[in-house]
Amino acid sequence: MSNAAELRALMVTQDSRLAASFGEISKEFGIFAQRTQGGNAGIPAELGAAKYEALLLDFETVPYTKPILTRLRQSPANRNAVIFAVVGDANSRQRAREEGATFFLQRPLEGTETRRVLQAAYGLMTRERRRYFRCAAELPVRLVRDSGEEITCTSINVSSNGMAVSSAASFESGEKLHVELTVPGTASPIRAQGIIVWDDKHGKTGLSVECTNPRMQMELDAWLDRSFSQGLPKAN
């Protein structure tokens, strides 16, 4: 779980053996699969507290699946998660299909078939993870206020459209700045327009950023893609 690029799956099932089997096979793909601890009205509390690239939902042992999927789709972070439906007969398969399952796992789970399904889903999961990827990196950042004041600071993490920085200065929410970020492998700093999103008044600040032109956005995204790929375990 310490790897920022690690894939995560939430398992909703009352079958402990199934959860153990899926969890072990998921490890082969660099996927951390955890079983839900429960929540109000049977809806996993984890869906509102963490980011998951996949949901394993047991359509045989979980009595009310539709509210769980509704909550999943209402979650800004998890609405695009891959849905693995565990089914046992034609009726449960049809219900899972109608409720929008992405992949199907037949009970009892068989190792070869589970690996085949995970292999097929892996690309979708990594693409979803990349959308939310923030690279933890200490890089030189120069912020310029409209007044012309220049502030030198260091990034804490960087994404395609935002960053957190460490700085001796403090900022006000909504303040607009010119941003220069020095990224490894680029000939010149990436320039962007920034807006302060938060400032903890203890040296840490969050900004949303928009690169000044498409070329700089491509350079930033290319660096993020390289960083993401280096931190992501490869599928077998």
Protein backbone atom coordinates (compact mmCIF):
# COMPACT_ATOMS: atom_id res chain seq x y z
CA MET A 1 0.00 0.00 0.00
CA SER A 2 3.02 2.32 0.21
CA ASN A 3 3.39 2.40 -3.57
CA ALA A 4 1.51 5.39 -5.01
CA ALA A 5 0.95 3.50 -8.27
CA GLU A 6 -0.32 0.32 -6.60
CA LEU A 7 -3.62 -1.05 -7.88
CA ARG A 8 -6.32 -1.71 -5.28
CA ALA A 9 -9.47 -3.81 -5.26
CA LEU A 10 -12.26 -3.93 -2.67
CA MET A 11 -13.88 -7.33 -2.09
CA VAL A 12 -17.52 -7.51 -1.00
CA THR A 13 -18.34 -11.11 -0.18
CA GLN A 14 -19.36 -13.27 2.75
CA ASP A 15 -17.22 -16.13 1.44
CA SER A 16 -13.89 -16.06 3.29
CA ARG A 17 -12.32 -18.75 1.13
CA LEU A 18 -13.23 -16.89 -2.05
CA ALA A 19 -11.76 -13.66 -0.66
CA ALA A 20 -8.54 -15.43 0.31
CA SER A 21 -8.21 -17.06 -3.13
CA PHE A 22 -8.87 -13.86 -5.09
CA GLY A 23 -6.56 -11.91 -2.80
CA GLU A 24 -3.65 -14.31 -3.29
CA ILE A 25 -3.99 -14.43 -7.07
CA SER A 26 -4.34 -10.63 -7.22
CA LYS A 27 -0.90 -10.29 -5.60
CA GLU A 28 0.63 -11.90 -8.69
CA PHE A 29 -0.55 -8.85 -10.67
CA GLY A 30 0.59 -6.28 -8.13
CA ILE A 31 -3.01 -5.74 -7.00
CA PHE A 32 -3.78 -5.26 -3.31
CA ALA A 33 -7.22 -6.77 -2.67
CA GLN A 34 -8.86 -6.07 0.69
CA ARG A 35 -12.14 -7.33 2.08
CA THR A 36 -14.65 -4.72 3.22
CA GLN A 37 -15.21 -4.22 6.92
CA GLY A 38 -18.86 -3.34 6.26
CA GLY A 39 -20.88 -0.16 6.57
CA ASN A 40 -24.36 1.29 6.96
CA ALA A 41 -27.15 -0.59 5.15
CA GLY A 42 -24.60 -3.06 3.84
CA ILE A 43 -22.80 -0.42 1.75
CA PRO A 44 -19.01 -0.57 2.24
CA ALA A 45 -17.73 2.47 4.10
CA GLU A 46 -14.46 2.17 2.19
CA LEU A 47 -16.09 3.43 -1.02
CA GLY A 48 -16.32 6.89 0.48
CA ALA A 49 -12.89 6.86 2.08
CA ALA A 50 -10.38 5.49 -0.43
CA LYS A 51 -9.62 5.05 -4.12
CA TYR A 52 -10.09 1.60 -5.72
CA GLU A 53 -9.51 0.51 -9.29
CA ALA A 54 -11.77 -2.54 -8.94
CA LEU A 55 -14.69 -3.92 -6.95
CA LEU A 56 -15.24 -7.65 -6.46
CA LEU A 57 -18.96 -8.14 -5.75
CA ASP A 58 -20.36 -11.55 -4.85
CA PHE A 59 -23.84 -11.78 -6.40
CA GLU A 60 -24.57 -14.99 -4.49
CA THR A 61 -23.63 -14.18 -0.89
CA VAL A 62 -24.38 -10.44 -0.86
CA PRO A 63 -28.16 -9.97 -0.74
CA TYR A 64 -28.40 -6.35 -1.94
CA THR A 65 -25.94 -5.54 -4.69
CA LYS A 66 -27.71 -2.67 -6.45
CA PRO A 67 -27.27 -0.11 -3.60
CA ILE A 68 -23.54 -0.94 -3.49
CA LEU A 69 -23.16 -0.32 -7.22
CA THR A 70 -25.20 2.87 -6.96
CA ARG A 71 -22.85 4.12 -4.22
CA LEU A 72 -19.86 3.14 -6.34
CA ARG A 73 -21.10 5.18 -9.30
CA GLN A 74 -21.85 8.16 -7.07
CA SER A 75 -18.25 8.21 -5.82
CA PRO A 76 -16.13 10.69 -7.82
CA ALA A 77 -13.01 8.62 -7.14
CA ASN A 78 -14.47 5.15 -7.74
CA ARG A 79 -17.21 5.54 -10.34
CA ASN A 80 -14.99 4.13 -13.13
CA ALA A 81 -13.77 1.12 -11.16
CA VAL A 82 -13.77 -2.28 -12.87
CA ILE A 83 -16.54 -4.51 -11.47
CA PHE A 84 -15.80 -8.22 -11.00
CA ALA A 85 -19.05 -10.12 -10.45
CA VAL A 86 -18.90 -13.51 -8.75
CA VAL A 87 -21.78 -15.62 -10.09
CA GLY A 88 -22.94 -19.20 -9.69
CA ASP A 89 -25.80 -19.70 -12.12
CA ALA A 90 -27.55 -18.12 -15.10
CA ASN A 91 -29.82 -16.01 -12.90
CA SER A 92 -27.02 -14.37 -10.91
CA ARG A 93 -25.03 -13.82 -14.12
CA GLN A 94 -28.00 -12.10 -15.77
CA ARG A 95 -28.58 -9.89 -12.73
CA ALA A 96 -24.89 -8.96 -12.65
CA ARG A 97 -24.98 -8.12 -16.36
CA GLU A 98 -28.07 -5.93 -15.90
CA GLU A 99 -26.42 -4.10 -13.01
CA GLY A 100 -23.34 -3.28 -15.08
CA ALA A 101 -20.66 -5.84 -14.18
CA THR A 102 -17.49 -5.56 -16.25
CA PHE A 103 -16.10 -9.09 -15.78
CA PHE A 104 -17.54 -12.36 -14.48
CA LEU A 105 -15.98 -14.97 -12.18
CA GLN A 106 -17.73 -18.30 -11.94
CA ARG A 107 -18.09 -19.98 -8.56
CA PRO A 108 -16.19 -22.00 -7.48
CA LEU A 109 -13.24 -19.83 -8.48
CA GLU A 110 -10.61 -21.64 -10.53
CA GLY A 111 -7.06 -20.28 -10.54
CA THR A 112 -6.46 -20.34 -14.29
CA GLU A 113 -9.73 -18.58 -15.09
CA THR A 114 -9.22 -15.98 -12.35
CA ARG A 115 -5.79 -15.18 -13.75
CA ARG A 116 -7.22 -14.88 -17.26
CA VAL A 117 -9.89 -12.41 -16.08
CA LEU A 118 -7.38 -10.36 -14.09
CA GLN A 119 -5.06 -10.25 -17.09
CA ALA A 120 -7.92 -8.94 -19.24
CA ALA A 121 -8.84 -6.30 -16.63
CA TYR A 122 -5.30 -5.17 -15.85
CA GLY A 123 -5.06 -2.56 -18.61
CA LEU A 124 -8.35 -0.93 -17.57
CA MET A 125 -7.22 -0.82 -13.95
CA THR A 126 -3.84 0.77 -14.71
CA ARG A 127 -5.47 3.36 -16.97
CA GLU A 128 -7.89 4.29 -14.18
CA ARG A 129 -5.05 4.52 -11.66
CA ARG A 130 -3.00 6.77 -13.94
CA ARG A 131 -5.85 9.31 -14.02
CA TYR A 132 -5.45 9.86 -10.27
CA PHE A 133 -1.68 9.41 -10.04
CA ARG A 134 0.31 11.93 -8.00
CA CYS A 135 4.07 11.53 -8.17
CA ALA A 136 5.86 12.13 -4.88
CA ALA A 137 8.88 14.17 -5.95
CA GLU A 138 11.01 17.01 -4.61
CA LEU A 139 11.52 19.27 -7.63
CA PRO A 140 12.43 22.98 -7.90
CA VAL A 141 9.40 25.24 -8.28
CA ARG A 142 9.30 28.99 -8.84
CA LEU A 143 6.08 30.86 -8.09
CA VAL A 144 5.53 34.43 -9.28
CA ARG A 145 2.78 36.60 -7.84
CA ASP A 146 0.96 39.23 -9.91
CA SER A 147 2.98 41.83 -7.99
CA GLY A 148 6.17 40.35 -9.45
CA GLU A 149 7.32 38.77 -6.18
CA GLU A 150 9.20 35.53 -6.85
CA ILE A 151 9.03 32.62 -4.41
CA THR A 152 11.35 29.64 -4.65
CA CYS A 153 9.94 26.41 -3.22
CA THR A 154 10.03 22.62 -3.61
CA SER A 155 7.31 20.28 -4.84
CA ILE A 156 5.95 17.59 -2.53
CA ASN A 157 3.89 15.81 -5.16
CA VAL A 158 2.87 16.51 -8.74
CA SER A 159 -0.05 15.44 -10.91
CA SER A 160 -1.20 16.32 -14.42
CA ASN A 161 -3.22 19.28 -13.16
CA GLY A 162 -1.98 20.06 -9.66
CA MET A 163 0.81 19.97 -7.13
CA ALA A 164 1.61 20.43 -3.48
CA VAL A 165 4.66 22.48 -2.53
CA SER A 166 6.76 23.25 0.51
CA SER A 167 7.44 26.96 0.95
CA ALA A 168 8.38 29.51 3.57
CA ALA A 169 5.68 31.82 2.18
CA SER A 170 1.95 31.64 2.86
CA PHE A 171 -0.85 32.08 0.35
CA GLU A 172 -4.56 32.80 0.23
CA SER A 173 -7.11 30.42 -1.29
CA GLY A 174 -7.93 31.50 -4.84
CA GLU A 175 -4.69 33.45 -5.31
CA LYS A 176 -3.37 33.25 -8.89
CA LEU A 177 0.30 32.65 -9.65
CA HIS A 178 2.68 31.98 -12.49
CA VAL A 179 4.36 28.59 -12.01
CA GLU A 180 7.66 27.20 -13.28
CA LEU A 181 8.36 23.53 -12.52
CA THR A 182 11.74 21.97 -13.33
CA VAL A 183 11.17 18.36 -14.39
CA PRO A 184 13.97 15.83 -15.08
CA GLY A 185 14.53 15.21 -18.77
CA THR A 186 13.12 18.51 -20.04
CA ALA A 187 15.25 21.23 -21.65
CA SER A 188 13.43 24.08 -19.92
CA PRO A 189 11.02 24.51 -16.99
CA ILE A 190 7.35 23.66 -17.48
CA ARG A 191 5.34 26.86 -17.22
CA ALA A 192 1.76 27.00 -16.00
CA GLN A 193 -0.89 29.18 -14.46
CA GLY A 194 -1.65 28.20 -10.88
CA ILE A 195 -4.47 28.81 -8.42
CA ILE A 196 -4.06 28.24 -4.68
CA VAL A 197 -6.48 25.55 -3.50
CA TRP A 198 -5.31 25.27 0.10
CA ASP A 199 -2.58 26.50 2.45
CA ASP A 200 -2.02 24.97 5.88
CA LYS A 201 -0.11 28.08 7.12
CA HIS A 202 2.70 25.75 8.20
CA GLY A 203 4.72 25.65 4.99
CA LYS A 204 2.60 23.41 2.78
CA THR A 205 0.41 24.63 -0.09
CA GLY A 206 -1.75 22.98 -2.76
CA LEU A 207 -2.27 24.40 -6.25
CA SER A 208 -4.29 23.52 -9.29
CA VAL A 209 -2.23 24.13 -12.43
CA GLU A 210 -2.89 24.54 -16.14
CA CYS A 211 0.10 24.40 -18.49
CA THR A 212 0.51 27.44 -20.70
CA ASN A 213 0.54 25.41 -23.92
CA PRO A 214 -0.09 21.83 -25.15
CA ARG A 215 3.61 21.08 -25.61
CA MET A 216 4.36 21.70 -21.95
CA GLN A 217 1.35 19.61 -20.92
CA MET A 218 2.69 16.78 -23.08
CA GLU A 219 6.14 17.06 -21.45
CA LEU A 220 4.61 16.99 -17.96
CA ASP A 221 2.37 14.03 -18.78
CA ALA A 222 5.27 12.14 -20.40
CA TRP A 223 7.33 12.53 -17.23
CA LEU A 224 4.37 11.42 -15.09
CA ASP A 225 3.84 8.40 -17.35
CA ARG A 226 7.49 7.37 -16.91
CA SER A 227 7.29 7.82 -13.15
CA PHE A 228 4.02 5.87 -12.99
CA SER A 229 5.39 2.97 -15.07
CA GLN A 230 8.53 2.72 -12.92
CA GLY A 231 6.46 2.39 -9.75
CA LEU A 232 3.84 -0.04 -11.06
CA PRO A 233 4.34 -3.81 -10.76
CA LYS A 234 4.05 -5.58 -14.09
CA ALA A 235 1.26 -8.09 -14.82
CA ASN A 236 2.50 -11.63 -15.27
